[in-house]
Amino acid sequence: MSDELVIFARFHAIEGNEGALEAELRATMARTRAEPGCLFIGVYRSVRNARLFFINSRWVDEAAFDVHAARHRRSASSSGRHDWSTTLST
């Protein structure tokens, strides 16, 4: 049995912030690929709804993802990033 963890996250951009959210998600993707434990990460934009984005990622285990998530929360809160998304679902 594998401990591998697969994450699907959905982001719904606030109207007018689609470009900013996409840029932030793609920058996050590039940084995340270099993190220990990240096996894959991809960012996708819906072809039917320009405000809808998805992230799919695979991690060696839940602990590796937890380290990533904690790092991302600290980074987002300390940098004063804007709230470009109305929803985040995982």
Protein backbone atom coordinates (compact mmCIF):
# COMPACT_ATOMS: atom_id res chain seq x y z
CA MET A 1 0.00 0.00 0.00
CA SER A 2 1.34 3.42 -0.99
CA ASP A 3 1.30 6.46 1.28
CA GLU A 4 1.21 8.73 -1.78
CA LEU A 5 -1.24 11.63 -1.48
CA VAL A 6 -3.10 13.19 -4.42
CA ILE A 7 -4.59 16.66 -4.03
CA PHE A 8 -7.17 18.37 -6.23
CA ALA A 9 -7.82 22.02 -5.34
CA ARG A 10 -10.36 24.36 -6.94
CA PHE A 11 -10.08 28.16 -6.92
CA HIS A 12 -12.81 30.53 -8.06
CA ALA A 13 -11.33 33.96 -8.84
CA ILE A 14 -13.03 37.16 -7.80
CA GLU A 15 -14.23 38.89 -10.96
CA GLY A 16 -11.47 41.01 -12.47
CA ASN A 17 -8.71 39.15 -10.61
CA GLU A 18 -8.41 36.17 -12.95
CA GLY A 19 -5.00 37.20 -14.30
CA ALA A 20 -3.54 37.91 -10.86
CA LEU A 21 -4.77 34.58 -9.50
CA GLU A 22 -3.43 32.67 -12.49
CA ALA A 23 -0.03 34.37 -12.17
CA GLU A 24 0.14 33.56 -8.46
CA LEU A 25 -0.89 29.93 -8.98
CA ARG A 26 1.70 29.46 -11.72
CA ALA A 27 4.45 31.06 -9.60
CA THR A 28 3.46 28.83 -6.69
CA MET A 29 3.56 25.81 -9.00
CA ALA A 30 7.12 26.59 -10.07
CA ARG A 31 8.31 26.93 -6.46
CA THR A 32 6.40 23.86 -5.30
CA ARG A 33 7.98 21.59 -7.92
CA ALA A 34 11.32 22.06 -6.15
CA GLU A 35 9.97 21.15 -2.71
CA PRO A 36 10.96 17.85 -1.12
CA GLY A 37 8.20 15.28 -1.47
CA CYS A 38 6.45 16.89 -4.45
CA LEU A 39 6.08 14.30 -7.21
CA PHE A 40 3.92 16.41 -9.55
CA ILE A 41 1.99 19.67 -9.64
CA GLY A 42 -0.07 21.20 -12.43
CA VAL A 43 -2.26 24.30 -12.71
CA TYR A 44 -5.26 24.33 -15.02
CA ARG A 45 -7.79 26.96 -16.10
CA SER A 46 -11.31 25.97 -17.05
CA VAL A 47 -12.17 26.35 -20.73
CA ARG A 48 -15.81 27.03 -19.82
CA ASN A 49 -15.34 29.47 -16.93
CA ALA A 50 -12.36 31.83 -17.08
CA ARG A 51 -12.62 32.47 -13.33
CA LEU A 52 -12.20 28.79 -12.38
CA PHE A 53 -8.76 27.24 -11.74
CA PHE A 54 -7.60 23.84 -10.55
CA ILE A 55 -4.40 22.49 -9.04
CA ASN A 56 -3.57 18.80 -9.15
CA SER A 57 -0.58 17.66 -7.10
CA ARG A 58 0.97 14.38 -5.94
CA TRP A 59 3.08 14.01 -2.81
CA VAL A 60 5.18 11.16 -1.43
CA ASP A 61 2.98 11.21 1.68
CA GLU A 62 0.67 13.39 3.74
CA ALA A 63 3.54 14.67 5.89
CA ALA A 64 5.29 16.14 2.83
CA PHE A 65 2.09 17.92 1.82
CA ASP A 66 1.57 19.20 5.37
CA VAL A 67 5.04 20.81 5.30
CA HIS A 68 4.19 22.43 1.95
CA ALA A 69 0.81 23.68 3.19
CA ALA A 70 2.28 25.17 6.37
CA ARG A 71 5.04 26.90 4.39
CA HIS A 72 2.50 28.29 1.92
CA ARG A 73 0.22 29.61 4.69
CA ARG A 74 3.15 31.39 6.40
CA SER A 75 4.36 32.84 3.10
CA ALA A 76 0.91 34.10 2.09
CA SER A 77 0.19 35.72 5.46
CA SER A 78 3.59 37.40 5.76
CA SER A 79 3.67 38.77 2.21
CA GLY A 80 0.30 40.53 2.39
CA ARG A 81 -0.91 38.81 -0.78
CA HIS A 82 -4.35 39.77 -1.98
CA ASP A 83 -7.40 37.57 -1.76
CA TRP A 84 -7.92 36.78 -5.43
CA SER A 85 -10.14 33.78 -4.86
CA THR A 86 -13.61 33.49 -3.37
CA THR A 87 -13.38 29.75 -2.77
CA LEU A 88 -10.76 27.10 -2.23
CA SER A 89 -11.86 23.49 -2.19
CA THR A 90 -9.60 20.50 -1.68
